[in-house]
N, C-alpha and C. Protein backbone atom coordinates (compact mmCIF):
# COMPACT_ATOMS: atom_id res chain seq x y z
N MET A 1 -156.63 109.24 96.87
CA MET A 1 -157.00 108.72 96.06
C MET A 1 -157.49 109.74 94.77
N GLU A 2 -157.24 110.60 94.64
CA GLU A 2 -157.20 111.47 93.70
C GLU A 2 -156.28 110.91 92.38
N GLY A 3 -155.07 109.99 92.79
CA GLY A 3 -154.71 109.48 91.72
C GLY A 3 -155.00 108.38 90.54
N VAL A 4 -155.56 107.40 91.71
CA VAL A 4 -156.33 106.52 91.22
C VAL A 4 -157.59 106.69 90.39
N SER A 5 -156.78 105.42 88.86
CA SER A 5 -157.22 105.18 87.77
C SER A 5 -159.25 104.54 87.84
N ALA A 6 -160.22 105.06 86.90
CA ALA A 6 -161.33 104.23 87.43
C ALA A 6 -161.35 103.26 86.33
N VAL A 7 -160.92 103.57 85.26
CA VAL A 7 -160.71 102.64 83.69
C VAL A 7 -160.38 101.09 84.03
N PRO A 8 -161.16 100.36 83.93
CA PRO A 8 -160.78 98.92 84.30
C PRO A 8 -159.73 98.59 83.42
N VAL A 9 -158.82 97.77 83.96
CA VAL A 9 -157.38 97.26 83.09
C VAL A 9 -157.75 95.67 82.44
N PRO A 10 -157.82 95.02 81.90
CA PRO A 10 -158.20 93.83 81.45
C PRO A 10 -156.81 92.65 82.09
N PRO A 11 -157.46 92.25 82.83
CA PRO A 11 -155.96 90.74 83.68
C PRO A 11 -155.49 90.30 82.34
N PRO A 12 -154.16 90.42 82.42
CA PRO A 12 -153.04 89.76 81.48
C PRO A 12 -153.78 88.32 81.21
N ARG A 13 -153.77 87.44 82.10
CA ARG A 13 -154.07 86.40 82.13
C ARG A 13 -155.11 86.13 81.13
N ALA A 14 -156.03 86.37 80.81
CA ALA A 14 -157.00 86.72 80.09
C ALA A 14 -156.51 86.81 78.87
N ARG A 15 -155.29 87.54 78.01
CA ARG A 15 -154.80 87.48 76.79
C ARG A 15 -153.86 86.87 76.42
N THR A 16 -153.48 85.90 77.43
CA THR A 16 -152.52 84.81 77.47
C THR A 16 -153.43 83.60 77.13
N ALA A 17 -154.47 83.18 78.15
CA ALA A 17 -154.87 81.80 77.40
C ALA A 17 -155.88 82.26 76.05
N ASP A 18 -156.48 83.45 75.56
CA ASP A 18 -156.57 83.71 74.28
C ASP A 18 -155.57 83.36 73.10
N SER A 19 -154.60 83.92 73.72
CA SER A 19 -153.42 83.93 72.45
C SER A 19 -153.12 82.09 72.57
N ALA A 20 -153.13 82.02 73.69
CA ALA A 20 -152.85 80.23 73.38
C ALA A 20 -153.02 79.54 72.83
N SER A 21 -155.11 79.82 73.00
CA SER A 21 -155.81 78.99 72.67
C SER A 21 -155.59 78.88 70.98
N GLY A 22 -155.66 79.73 70.45
CA GLY A 22 -155.21 80.21 68.90
C GLY A 22 -154.88 79.30 68.42
N ALA A 23 -152.90 78.82 69.19
CA ALA A 23 -152.35 78.32 68.19
C ALA A 23 -152.65 76.65 68.98
N ALA A 24 -152.97 76.17 69.62
CA ALA A 24 -153.16 74.93 70.68
C ALA A 24 -153.94 74.28 68.95
N PRO A 25 -155.17 74.32 68.67
CA PRO A 25 -156.02 73.55 67.62
C PRO A 25 -154.89 73.21 66.82
N ASP A 26 -154.32 74.37 66.27
CA ASP A 26 -153.43 73.97 65.59
C ASP A 26 -152.52 73.11 64.93
N SER A 27 -151.47 73.21 65.99
CA SER A 27 -150.72 72.09 66.36
C SER A 27 -150.89 70.51 67.08
N ALA A 28 -151.81 70.99 67.73
CA ALA A 28 -153.31 69.66 67.91
C ALA A 28 -153.48 68.71 66.31
N GLY A 29 -153.97 69.68 65.76
CA GLY A 29 -154.05 69.29 64.59
C GLY A 29 -153.30 68.56 63.71
N SER A 30 -152.19 69.37 63.66
CA SER A 30 -150.98 68.61 62.77
C SER A 30 -150.68 67.30 63.70
N ARG A 31 -150.50 67.62 64.71
CA ARG A 31 -149.74 65.77 65.02
C ARG A 31 -150.93 64.70 64.78
N ARG A 32 -152.48 65.33 65.33
CA ARG A 32 -153.49 64.60 65.01
C ARG A 32 -153.38 63.56 63.69
N SER A 33 -153.37 64.95 62.49
CA SER A 33 -153.04 64.29 61.33
C SER A 33 -151.83 63.87 60.75
N LEU A 34 -150.53 63.81 61.17
CA LEU A 34 -149.21 63.12 61.04
C LEU A 34 -149.83 61.83 61.93
N ALA A 35 -150.02 62.02 63.21
CA ALA A 35 -150.21 60.49 63.65
C ALA A 35 -150.87 59.67 62.55
N ALA A 36 -152.07 60.14 62.43
CA ALA A 36 -153.25 59.26 61.53
C ALA A 36 -152.97 58.59 60.04
N GLY A 37 -151.95 59.67 59.17
CA GLY A 37 -151.16 59.94 58.17
C GLY A 37 -149.91 58.49 58.37
N LEU A 38 -149.46 58.76 59.04
CA LEU A 38 -148.23 57.28 59.38
C LEU A 38 -149.25 56.07 59.74
N LEU A 39 -150.04 56.09 60.59
CA LEU A 39 -150.64 54.62 60.85
C LEU A 39 -151.15 54.22 59.87
N LEU A 40 -152.09 54.48 58.86
CA LEU A 40 -152.97 54.59 57.93
C LEU A 40 -151.92 54.12 56.68
N GLY A 41 -151.16 54.87 56.58
CA GLY A 41 -149.65 54.00 55.41
C GLY A 41 -149.45 53.04 55.85
N ALA A 42 -148.94 52.87 57.10
CA ALA A 42 -147.91 51.58 57.62
C ALA A 42 -149.17 50.50 57.68
N VAL A 43 -150.52 50.46 58.06
CA VAL A 43 -151.33 49.75 58.01
C VAL A 43 -151.74 49.17 57.14
N GLY A 44 -151.90 50.15 56.09
CA GLY A 44 -152.37 49.72 54.70
C GLY A 44 -151.35 49.00 53.98
N ALA A 45 -149.95 49.77 53.76
CA ALA A 45 -149.01 48.52 53.04
C ALA A 45 -148.95 46.91 53.93
N THR A 46 -148.84 47.42 55.01
CA THR A 46 -148.43 46.06 55.60
C THR A 46 -150.10 44.90 54.83
N VAL A 47 -151.07 45.39 55.03
CA VAL A 47 -152.52 44.77 54.65
C VAL A 47 -151.84 44.07 53.38
N VAL A 48 -152.05 45.12 52.77
CA VAL A 48 -151.77 44.90 51.04
C VAL A 48 -150.82 43.61 50.95
N LEU A 49 -149.20 43.53 51.94
CA LEU A 49 -148.22 42.60 51.61
C LEU A 49 -148.78 41.46 51.89
N LEU A 50 -149.33 41.50 53.25
CA LEU A 50 -149.90 40.12 53.56
C LEU A 50 -151.36 39.82 52.92
N ALA A 51 -151.99 40.39 52.48
CA ALA A 51 -153.15 39.58 51.86
C ALA A 51 -152.68 39.43 50.88
N SER A 52 -152.18 40.21 49.51
CA SER A 52 -151.75 39.35 48.29
C SER A 52 -150.78 38.31 48.22
N GLY A 53 -150.18 37.87 49.64
CA GLY A 53 -149.48 36.29 49.29
C GLY A 53 -150.99 34.60 49.90
N GLN A 54 -151.70 35.70 50.14
CA GLN A 54 -152.90 34.34 50.32
C GLN A 54 -153.38 34.06 48.84
N THR A 55 -154.49 33.24 49.35
CA THR A 55 -155.10 32.25 48.17
C THR A 55 -155.99 33.04 47.68
N TRP A 56 -155.79 33.38 46.89
CA TRP A 56 -157.02 34.14 45.63
C TRP A 56 -158.41 33.93 44.96
N ALA A 57 -157.31 32.62 44.02
CA ALA A 57 -158.47 32.03 43.07
C ALA A 57 -158.20 30.24 42.93
N GLU A 58 -159.00 30.08 43.29
CA GLU A 58 -159.11 27.91 43.16
C GLU A 58 -159.77 27.34 42.02
N GLY A 59 -159.65 26.00 42.22
CA GLY A 59 -160.41 25.19 41.27
C GLY A 59 -159.60 24.10 40.90
N ASP A 60 -160.55 23.63 40.31
CA ASP A 60 -160.14 21.72 39.52
C ASP A 60 -159.58 21.99 38.26
N ALA A 61 -158.33 21.21 38.08
CA ALA A 61 -157.61 21.18 36.32
C ALA A 61 -158.31 19.93 36.08
N ALA A 62 -159.10 19.09 34.78
CA ALA A 62 -159.38 18.18 34.45
C ALA A 62 -158.41 17.10 33.87
N THR A 63 -158.16 16.01 34.25
CA THR A 63 -157.09 15.49 33.45
C THR A 63 -157.32 13.88 33.85
N GLY A 64 -156.79 13.08 33.08
CA GLY A 64 -157.39 11.95 32.61
C GLY A 64 -157.24 11.32 33.78
N GLY A 65 -156.58 11.57 34.95
CA GLY A 65 -157.05 10.10 36.06
C GLY A 65 -158.15 11.10 37.01
N GLY A 66 -158.29 12.39 36.74
CA GLY A 66 -159.47 13.14 37.32
C GLY A 66 -159.60 14.33 37.52
N ALA A 67 -159.55 15.06 38.97
CA ALA A 67 -159.43 16.20 39.20
C ALA A 67 -158.06 16.80 39.95
N LEU A 68 -157.80 17.65 39.12
CA LEU A 68 -156.46 18.25 40.45
C LEU A 68 -156.56 19.22 41.07
N PRO A 69 -156.89 19.57 41.95
CA PRO A 69 -157.07 21.37 43.06
C PRO A 69 -155.90 21.90 42.72
N LEU A 70 -156.30 23.07 42.17
CA LEU A 70 -154.98 23.95 41.79
C LEU A 70 -155.56 25.04 42.54
N ALA A 71 -154.47 26.35 43.53
CA ALA A 71 -154.94 27.07 43.51
C ALA A 71 -154.10 28.19 43.53
N VAL A 72 -153.95 29.85 43.77
CA VAL A 72 -153.07 30.68 43.11
C VAL A 72 -153.31 32.06 44.18
N ASP A 73 -151.95 32.43 44.57
CA ASP A 73 -152.31 33.36 45.58
C ASP A 73 -151.98 34.84 44.63
N GLY A 74 -151.93 35.69 45.46
CA GLY A 74 -152.60 37.25 44.61
C GLY A 74 -151.16 37.24 44.01
N ARG A 75 -150.15 37.03 44.42
CA ARG A 75 -148.87 37.76 43.49
C ARG A 75 -148.31 36.75 42.10
N ASP A 76 -149.56 35.59 42.19
CA ASP A 76 -149.17 34.96 40.90
C ASP A 76 -150.85 35.51 40.18
N VAL A 77 -151.19 36.01 41.03
CA VAL A 77 -152.95 37.37 39.65
C VAL A 77 -151.99 38.40 39.23
N THR A 78 -151.68 38.89 40.54
CA THR A 78 -150.75 40.24 39.65
C THR A 78 -149.71 40.59 41.16
N GLY A 79 -148.60 41.41 40.67
CA GLY A 79 -147.85 41.67 41.64
C GLY A 79 -148.16 42.94 41.59
N VAL A 80 -148.28 43.68 41.13
CA VAL A 80 -148.97 45.26 41.17
C VAL A 80 -149.07 45.15 42.79
N PRO A 81 -150.17 45.51 43.26
CA PRO A 81 -150.22 45.82 44.30
C PRO A 81 -149.58 45.23 45.54
N ALA A 82 -148.56 44.64 45.61
CA ALA A 82 -147.54 43.86 46.75
C ALA A 82 -146.20 45.28 46.57
N ALA A 83 -145.96 45.54 44.87
CA ALA A 83 -144.67 46.10 44.72
C ALA A 83 -145.15 47.93 44.69
N LEU A 84 -146.46 48.47 44.75
CA LEU A 84 -147.05 49.75 45.02
C LEU A 84 -146.69 49.99 46.21
N ALA A 85 -147.39 48.51 46.95
CA ALA A 85 -147.30 48.65 48.83
C ALA A 85 -146.02 48.88 49.54
N VAL A 86 -145.14 48.37 48.25
CA VAL A 86 -143.03 48.65 48.79
C VAL A 86 -143.24 50.08 48.46
N VAL A 87 -143.67 50.21 46.94
CA VAL A 87 -143.31 51.75 46.77
C VAL A 87 -143.93 53.00 48.14
N SER A 88 -145.08 52.96 48.21
CA SER A 88 -145.85 53.58 49.58
C SER A 88 -144.87 53.61 50.62
N LEU A 89 -144.04 52.97 51.06
CA LEU A 89 -143.22 52.83 52.50
C LEU A 89 -142.81 53.56 52.05
N ALA A 90 -141.88 53.52 51.03
CA ALA A 90 -140.78 54.60 50.54
C ALA A 90 -140.76 56.19 50.85
N ALA A 91 -142.13 55.62 50.26
CA ALA A 91 -142.64 57.46 49.77
C ALA A 91 -143.09 57.64 51.25
N LEU A 92 -143.36 56.72 52.17
CA LEU A 92 -143.75 57.52 53.44
C LEU A 92 -142.96 58.14 54.36
N VAL A 93 -141.31 57.29 54.15
CA VAL A 93 -140.54 57.79 54.70
C VAL A 93 -140.22 58.78 54.10
N ALA A 94 -140.17 59.11 53.05
CA ALA A 94 -139.78 60.54 52.18
C ALA A 94 -140.50 61.01 52.34
N VAL A 95 -141.67 61.19 52.91
CA VAL A 95 -142.32 62.55 53.43
C VAL A 95 -141.80 63.19 54.14
N PHE A 96 -140.84 62.94 55.19
CA PHE A 96 -140.74 63.44 56.28
C PHE A 96 -139.15 64.17 55.95
N ALA A 97 -138.30 63.79 55.02
CA ALA A 97 -136.94 64.35 54.53
C ALA A 97 -137.16 64.96 53.69
N VAL A 98 -138.06 65.83 53.09
CA VAL A 98 -138.35 66.05 52.00
C VAL A 98 -139.41 67.87 52.50
N ARG A 99 -139.21 69.20 51.73
CA ARG A 99 -140.31 70.27 52.08
C ARG A 99 -140.72 70.33 50.89
N GLY A 100 -141.42 71.16 51.24
CA GLY A 100 -142.16 72.47 50.28
C GLY A 100 -142.67 71.27 49.07
N ALA A 101 -142.63 71.57 47.78
CA ALA A 101 -142.76 71.06 46.71
C ALA A 101 -142.66 69.65 46.61
N ALA A 102 -141.02 69.67 46.68
CA ALA A 102 -140.69 67.93 47.07
C ALA A 102 -141.43 67.40 47.68
N ARG A 103 -142.30 68.03 49.15
CA ARG A 103 -143.26 66.71 50.18
C ARG A 103 -144.77 67.00 48.78
N ARG A 104 -144.69 67.72 48.29
CA ARG A 104 -146.35 66.88 48.13
C ARG A 104 -146.12 66.33 46.79
N ILE A 105 -144.68 66.48 45.85
CA ILE A 105 -145.15 65.41 44.83
C ILE A 105 -144.82 64.17 45.81
N VAL A 106 -144.49 64.03 46.45
CA VAL A 106 -143.57 62.75 47.23
C VAL A 106 -145.71 62.01 47.80
N ALA A 107 -146.16 63.15 48.52
CA ALA A 107 -147.43 63.11 49.34
C ALA A 107 -148.72 62.15 47.84
N ALA A 108 -148.89 62.81 46.77
CA ALA A 108 -149.47 62.61 45.63
C ALA A 108 -148.71 61.04 44.86
N LEU A 109 -147.81 61.13 45.42
CA LEU A 109 -146.91 59.42 44.52
C LEU A 109 -147.66 58.55 46.24
N LEU A 110 -147.72 58.77 46.93
CA LEU A 110 -148.28 58.16 47.77
C LEU A 110 -149.45 57.62 47.58
N ALA A 111 -150.37 58.60 47.59
CA ALA A 111 -151.75 58.55 47.05
C ALA A 111 -151.81 57.53 45.64
N LEU A 112 -151.14 57.97 45.06
CA LEU A 112 -151.50 57.05 44.11
C LEU A 112 -150.82 55.71 43.70
N SER A 113 -150.10 55.68 45.37
CA SER A 113 -149.50 54.24 45.17
C SER A 113 -150.74 53.27 45.61
N GLY A 114 -151.41 54.27 46.34
CA GLY A 114 -152.89 53.54 47.56
C GLY A 114 -153.35 53.38 46.42
N LEU A 115 -153.93 54.11 45.30
CA LEU A 115 -155.00 53.84 44.32
C LEU A 115 -154.61 52.83 43.71
N GLY A 116 -153.27 52.79 42.74
CA GLY A 116 -152.81 51.49 41.53
C GLY A 116 -153.40 49.97 42.67
N ALA A 117 -152.85 50.13 43.96
CA ALA A 117 -152.64 49.03 44.41
C ALA A 117 -154.30 48.89 44.84
N ALA A 118 -155.27 49.65 45.49
CA ALA A 118 -156.96 49.18 45.29
C ALA A 118 -157.24 48.30 43.86
N LEU A 119 -157.19 49.49 42.88
CA LEU A 119 -157.31 49.06 41.74
C LEU A 119 -157.23 47.73 41.19
N SER A 120 -155.67 47.94 41.74
CA SER A 120 -155.62 46.26 40.56
C SER A 120 -155.42 45.28 41.26
N ALA A 121 -156.19 45.04 42.47
CA ALA A 121 -156.41 44.24 43.70
C ALA A 121 -157.93 43.62 42.96
N TRP A 122 -158.80 44.57 43.65
CA TRP A 122 -159.97 44.45 43.17
C TRP A 122 -160.16 43.87 41.40
N ALA A 123 -159.66 44.17 40.38
CA ALA A 123 -159.83 43.75 39.00
C ALA A 123 -159.05 42.08 39.31
N GLY A 124 -158.61 41.98 40.05
CA GLY A 124 -158.06 40.74 40.17
C GLY A 124 -158.74 40.17 41.42
N GLY A 125 -159.73 40.05 41.66
CA GLY A 125 -160.66 39.65 42.43
C GLY A 125 -161.44 38.86 41.70
N SER A 126 -161.40 39.03 40.11
CA SER A 126 -162.72 37.94 39.56
C SER A 126 -161.34 37.04 37.95
N ASP A 127 -159.94 37.28 38.28
CA ASP A 127 -159.60 37.31 37.46
C ASP A 127 -158.66 35.99 37.37
N SER A 128 -159.13 34.70 36.48
CA SER A 128 -158.55 33.39 36.62
C SER A 128 -157.63 33.19 35.71
N THR A 129 -156.95 33.58 35.14
CA THR A 129 -155.85 33.96 34.26
C THR A 129 -154.90 32.98 34.49
N ALA A 130 -154.62 33.28 36.27
CA ALA A 130 -153.21 32.97 36.72
C ALA A 130 -153.85 31.41 36.88
N LEU A 131 -154.94 31.15 36.97
CA LEU A 131 -155.73 29.61 37.52
C LEU A 131 -155.62 28.69 36.27
N ASP A 132 -155.77 29.70 34.82
CA ASP A 132 -155.18 28.92 33.89
C ASP A 132 -154.12 28.32 33.57
N GLU A 133 -153.57 29.22 33.37
CA GLU A 133 -151.37 29.83 33.65
C GLU A 133 -151.14 28.13 34.32
N GLU A 134 -151.64 28.45 35.51
CA GLU A 134 -151.29 27.05 36.49
C GLU A 134 -151.37 25.48 36.19
N ALA A 135 -152.79 25.59 35.44
CA ALA A 135 -153.08 24.13 35.01
C ALA A 135 -152.78 23.75 34.01
N ALA A 136 -152.04 24.13 32.62
CA ALA A 136 -151.55 24.36 31.77
C ALA A 136 -149.88 23.68 32.08
N ARG A 137 -149.25 24.30 33.33
CA ARG A 137 -148.19 24.64 33.72
C ARG A 137 -148.19 23.13 34.50
N ALA A 138 -149.05 22.83 35.44
CA ALA A 138 -149.60 21.40 36.70
C ALA A 138 -149.68 20.60 35.51
N THR A 139 -150.61 20.32 34.49
CA THR A 139 -150.88 19.12 33.81
C THR A 139 -150.10 19.01 32.89
N GLY A 140 -149.34 19.76 31.75
CA GLY A 140 -148.60 20.04 30.95
C GLY A 140 -149.55 20.32 29.54
N ASP A 141 -150.31 20.44 29.34
CA ASP A 141 -151.77 21.43 28.58
C ASP A 141 -151.75 22.26 28.45
N ALA A 142 -151.84 22.56 27.37
CA ALA A 142 -151.79 24.27 27.50
C ALA A 142 -153.51 24.35 26.82
N ALA A 143 -154.21 23.68 26.60
CA ALA A 143 -155.52 23.52 26.34
C ALA A 143 -156.46 23.48 27.63
N ALA A 144 -155.71 23.05 29.28
CA ALA A 144 -156.21 22.21 30.43
C ALA A 144 -157.49 23.06 30.70
N THR A 145 -158.59 22.53 30.62
CA THR A 145 -159.81 23.53 30.72
C THR A 145 -159.88 23.92 32.89
N ILE A 146 -160.17 24.91 33.86
CA ILE A 146 -160.56 24.91 34.84
C ILE A 146 -162.21 24.49 35.33
N HIS A 147 -162.98 23.85 36.45
CA HIS A 147 -164.03 23.93 36.42
C HIS A 147 -163.96 24.41 38.45
N ALA A 148 -165.00 24.33 38.50
CA ALA A 148 -165.65 25.12 40.18
C ALA A 148 -164.37 26.02 40.42
N ILE A 149 -164.30 27.18 39.38
CA ILE A 149 -163.57 27.85 40.18
C ILE A 149 -164.23 28.62 41.12
N GLY A 150 -163.11 29.24 42.13
CA GLY A 150 -163.66 30.03 43.17
C GLY A 150 -162.27 31.08 43.53
N HIS A 151 -163.76 32.40 44.23
CA HIS A 151 -162.47 33.26 44.54
C HIS A 151 -162.57 33.74 45.94
N THR A 152 -161.64 34.20 46.64
CA THR A 152 -161.94 34.41 47.98
C THR A 152 -161.87 35.57 48.09
N THR A 153 -161.70 36.22 49.28
CA THR A 153 -161.88 37.60 49.62
C THR A 153 -160.88 38.67 50.13
N TRP A 154 -159.50 37.62 49.53
CA TRP A 154 -158.66 38.41 49.89
C TRP A 154 -157.95 39.37 48.80
N PRO A 155 -158.77 39.16 47.47
CA PRO A 155 -158.29 40.56 46.43
C PRO A 155 -158.62 41.68 47.37
N TYR A 156 -160.23 41.69 48.34
CA TYR A 156 -160.90 43.27 48.37
C TYR A 156 -160.36 43.44 49.74
N VAL A 157 -159.85 42.49 50.39
CA VAL A 157 -158.96 43.28 51.74
C VAL A 157 -157.61 43.72 51.28
N THR A 158 -157.12 43.27 50.70
CA THR A 158 -156.23 44.03 49.13
C THR A 158 -156.46 45.20 48.84
N ALA A 159 -157.58 45.40 48.52
CA ALA A 159 -158.23 46.56 47.72
C ALA A 159 -158.28 47.44 49.18
N VAL A 160 -158.95 47.37 50.46
CA VAL A 160 -158.63 48.19 51.27
C VAL A 160 -157.23 48.49 51.76
N GLY A 161 -156.88 47.77 51.65
CA GLY A 161 -155.28 47.96 52.19
C GLY A 161 -154.77 49.19 51.43
N GLY A 162 -155.15 49.11 49.91
CA GLY A 162 -154.91 50.20 49.02
C GLY A 162 -155.83 51.13 49.41
N LEU A 163 -156.93 51.26 49.11
CA LEU A 163 -157.24 52.43 50.06
C LEU A 163 -157.16 53.29 51.19
N LEU A 164 -156.76 52.76 52.27
CA LEU A 164 -156.14 53.29 53.48
C LEU A 164 -154.53 53.91 52.70
N ILE A 165 -153.89 53.16 52.01
CA ILE A 165 -152.68 53.79 51.94
C ILE A 165 -153.03 55.48 51.19
N LEU A 166 -154.17 55.23 50.34
CA LEU A 166 -154.97 56.53 49.43
C LEU A 166 -154.57 57.47 50.75
N LEU A 167 -155.72 57.07 51.58
CA LEU A 167 -156.06 57.89 52.48
C LEU A 167 -155.12 58.63 52.94
N ALA A 168 -153.65 58.12 53.49
CA ALA A 168 -152.83 58.62 53.88
C ALA A 168 -151.75 59.67 53.11
N GLY A 169 -152.03 59.36 51.94
CA GLY A 169 -151.54 60.68 50.80
C GLY A 169 -152.14 61.88 50.62
N LEU A 170 -153.66 61.14 51.03
CA LEU A 170 -154.37 62.31 50.60
C LEU A 170 -154.15 63.26 51.79
N LEU A 171 -153.97 62.85 53.06
CA LEU A 171 -153.31 63.30 54.17
C LEU A 171 -152.34 64.24 54.16
N ALA A 172 -151.87 63.61 53.38
CA ALA A 172 -150.24 64.27 53.66
C ALA A 172 -150.19 65.39 52.29
N LEU A 173 -151.45 65.22 51.57
CA LEU A 173 -151.46 66.47 50.47
C LEU A 173 -152.10 67.66 51.43
N ARG A 174 -152.88 66.94 52.28
CA ARG A 174 -153.67 68.06 52.46
C ARG A 174 -153.00 68.80 54.48
N TYR A 175 -152.14 68.19 54.83
CA TYR A 175 -151.56 68.51 55.95
C TYR A 175 -150.03 68.68 55.95
N GLY A 176 -149.56 68.13 55.06
CA GLY A 176 -148.62 68.08 55.24
C GLY A 176 -147.45 68.79 55.21
N THR A 177 -147.86 70.08 55.05
CA THR A 177 -147.02 71.63 54.96
C THR A 177 -146.64 71.49 56.49
N ARG A 178 -147.37 70.82 57.38
CA ARG A 178 -147.42 71.74 58.79
C ARG A 178 -146.65 70.49 59.30
N TRP A 179 -146.26 69.42 58.42
CA TRP A 179 -145.76 68.02 58.96
C TRP A 179 -144.17 68.84 59.34
N PRO A 180 -143.44 68.07 60.30
CA PRO A 180 -142.30 68.27 60.77
C PRO A 180 -141.64 67.35 60.08
N ALA A 181 -139.99 67.84 59.37
CA ALA A 181 -139.33 67.49 58.99
C ALA A 181 -137.72 66.62 59.43
N MET A 182 -137.72 65.92 58.64
CA MET A 182 -135.74 65.43 59.44
C MET A 182 -135.18 66.69 59.84
N SER A 183 -134.69 66.64 60.55
CA SER A 183 -133.26 67.48 61.45
C SER A 183 -132.52 68.04 60.20
N GLY A 184 -132.36 69.29 59.98
CA GLY A 184 -131.43 70.08 59.39
C GLY A 184 -129.96 70.34 59.96
N LYS A 185 -129.66 69.41 60.65
CA LYS A 185 -128.22 69.36 61.45
C LYS A 185 -127.11 68.24 60.70
N TYR A 186 -127.82 67.83 59.64
CA TYR A 186 -127.18 66.71 58.86
C TYR A 186 -126.56 67.16 57.57
N GLU A 187 -127.88 68.77 56.76
CA GLU A 187 -127.55 69.06 55.84
C GLU A 187 -126.47 69.89 55.10
N ARG A 188 -126.12 69.95 54.32
CA ARG A 188 -124.77 71.03 53.92
C ARG A 188 -125.54 71.84 53.48
N ASP A 189 -125.46 73.58 54.09
CA ASP A 189 -125.87 74.71 53.69
C ASP A 189 -125.10 75.64 53.15
N GLY A 190 -124.04 74.58 53.33
CA GLY A 190 -122.33 75.83 52.81
C GLY A 190 -122.57 76.57 53.92
N THR A 191 -123.07 76.94 54.79
CA THR A 191 -122.20 77.56 56.52
C THR A 191 -121.55 76.98 56.69
N PRO A 192 -120.24 77.91 56.85
CA PRO A 192 -119.08 76.78 57.79
C PRO A 192 -119.44 76.70 59.44
N ARG A 193 -118.40 75.24 59.42
CA ARG A 193 -119.11 75.02 60.64
C ARG A 193 -117.82 75.23 62.09
N PRO A 194 -118.21 75.69 62.96
CA PRO A 194 -117.49 76.19 63.69
C PRO A 194 -116.31 74.80 64.21
N GLY A 195 -115.08 75.33 64.30
CA GLY A 195 -113.89 74.48 64.60
C GLY A 195 -113.09 74.14 65.73
N LYS A 196 -112.85 73.36 65.97
CA LYS A 196 -112.86 72.87 67.33
C LYS A 196 -111.49 73.84 67.82
N ALA A 197 -111.78 74.02 69.08
CA ALA A 197 -111.36 74.78 69.68
C ALA A 197 -109.76 74.15 70.05
N PRO A 198 -108.56 74.25 70.27
CA PRO A 198 -107.02 73.70 70.21
C PRO A 198 -106.96 73.25 71.20
N ARG A 199 -106.61 72.16 71.36
CA ARG A 199 -106.92 71.38 72.58
C ARG A 199 -105.30 71.43 73.21
N ALA A 200 -105.19 71.38 74.55
CA ALA A 200 -104.19 71.93 75.03
C ALA A 200 -102.81 70.91 75.00
N ALA A 201 -101.46 71.52 75.13
CA ALA A 201 -100.51 70.50 75.11
C ALA A 201 -100.52 69.91 76.29
N PRO A 202 -100.29 69.12 76.63
CA PRO A 202 -100.04 67.90 77.89
C PRO A 202 -99.03 68.69 78.58
N ASP A 203 -98.95 68.54 80.36
CA ASP A 203 -98.64 69.21 81.17
C ASP A 203 -97.52 67.48 81.24
N PRO A 204 -96.02 68.10 81.24
CA PRO A 204 -95.07 66.87 81.18
C PRO A 204 -95.08 66.62 82.81
N ASP A 205 -96.06 67.40 83.54
CA ASP A 205 -95.23 66.95 85.23
C ASP A 205 -96.74 66.09 85.44
N ARG A 206 -97.73 65.93 84.51
CA ARG A 206 -99.12 65.06 85.21
C ARG A 206 -98.89 63.45 84.19
N PRO A 207 -98.16 62.78 84.66
CA PRO A 207 -98.11 61.16 83.60
C PRO A 207 -99.47 61.43 83.16
N GLU A 208 -100.55 61.18 83.81
CA GLU A 208 -101.60 60.57 82.71
C GLU A 208 -102.07 61.75 81.70
N ASP A 209 -101.72 62.43 81.48
CA ASP A 209 -102.14 63.82 80.13
C ASP A 209 -100.93 63.32 79.26
N LEU A 210 -99.76 62.57 79.97
CA LEU A 210 -99.76 62.33 78.94
C LEU A 210 -100.10 60.30 78.47
N TRP A 211 -100.12 59.99 78.95
CA TRP A 211 -101.06 58.95 78.39
C TRP A 211 -102.07 58.75 77.92
N LYS A 212 -103.02 60.10 77.88
CA LYS A 212 -104.27 60.57 77.33
C LYS A 212 -103.86 60.85 75.87
N ALA A 213 -102.87 61.74 75.72
CA ALA A 213 -102.21 62.11 74.50
C ALA A 213 -101.69 60.90 73.22
N LEU A 214 -101.19 59.99 74.28
CA LEU A 214 -100.93 58.90 73.17
C LEU A 214 -101.62 57.75 72.88
N ASP A 215 -102.60 58.15 73.57
CA ASP A 215 -103.77 57.06 73.07
C ASP A 215 -104.43 57.91 72.59
N ARG A 216 -104.64 59.15 71.87
CA ARG A 216 -105.35 59.74 71.18
C ARG A 216 -105.01 59.92 70.11
N GLY A 217 -103.04 59.22 69.47
CA GLY A 217 -102.25 59.20 68.70
C GLY A 217 -101.52 60.48 68.60
N GLU A 218 -101.25 61.23 69.47
CA GLU A 218 -101.02 62.84 69.61
C GLU A 218 -99.05 62.40 70.14
N ASP A 219 -98.39 63.01 69.89
CA ASP A 219 -96.80 63.34 70.19
C ASP A 219 -96.79 63.99 71.41
N PRO A 220 -96.73 63.73 72.76
CA PRO A 220 -96.70 64.69 73.50
C PRO A 220 -95.86 65.57 73.96
N THR A 221 -94.49 65.10 73.25
CA THR A 221 -93.25 65.89 73.24
C THR A 221 -93.75 67.04 72.34
N ARG A 222 -94.71 67.34 71.27
CA ARG A 222 -94.62 68.43 70.80
C ARG A 222 -94.93 69.36 71.24
N GLU A 223 -94.74 70.60 70.70
CA GLU A 223 -94.37 72.19 71.22
C GLU A 223 -95.99 72.34 70.54
N VAL A 224 -96.55 73.15 71.05
CA VAL A 224 -97.83 73.78 70.56
C VAL A 224 -97.67 75.44 69.73
């Protein structure tokens, strides 16, 4: 019993658990922010594209025979939200194709696309210019007036979609450096690629080898 030490030794399992617990939250947080960014960006762009195709304003144009009901959709009022939604989808994909400063630039573009879509949709919620233009076209009278103008909630639904895209861009700006990028196996980095091992010459005593060589377009009689 003289060689036994009385100093307690901490169990290695506790150290392993501590180190694992220190890395797990960061990895889990990156996955959560990545999933949230993808979901917010995709849902926001979809909402903007769908809502901008709905009726935003309606009214009656005065004509000689009475009132002509008219309606305009979001793309008649402003094409900005739909265009920026397409840009945001492209930026959402590009975030994973670039790294470093380029990723921050693309994330900023994603956020600005959402902000622009939201502001333009909100401004279009009370715009009646498109109705006036539609009345002039339908009646052939540039001075035609619109009565009983009504605005729907679709412009504000579009604005909400833009805000979702904005949130996706802000998440990419904040956590994008932790997100994975596309595989680099297709990138050219100047490193020489390992060449294929030379194929062994077909054995003339094995007909199946000769046929395989012919299928590959090789001359089985050529000596290596």
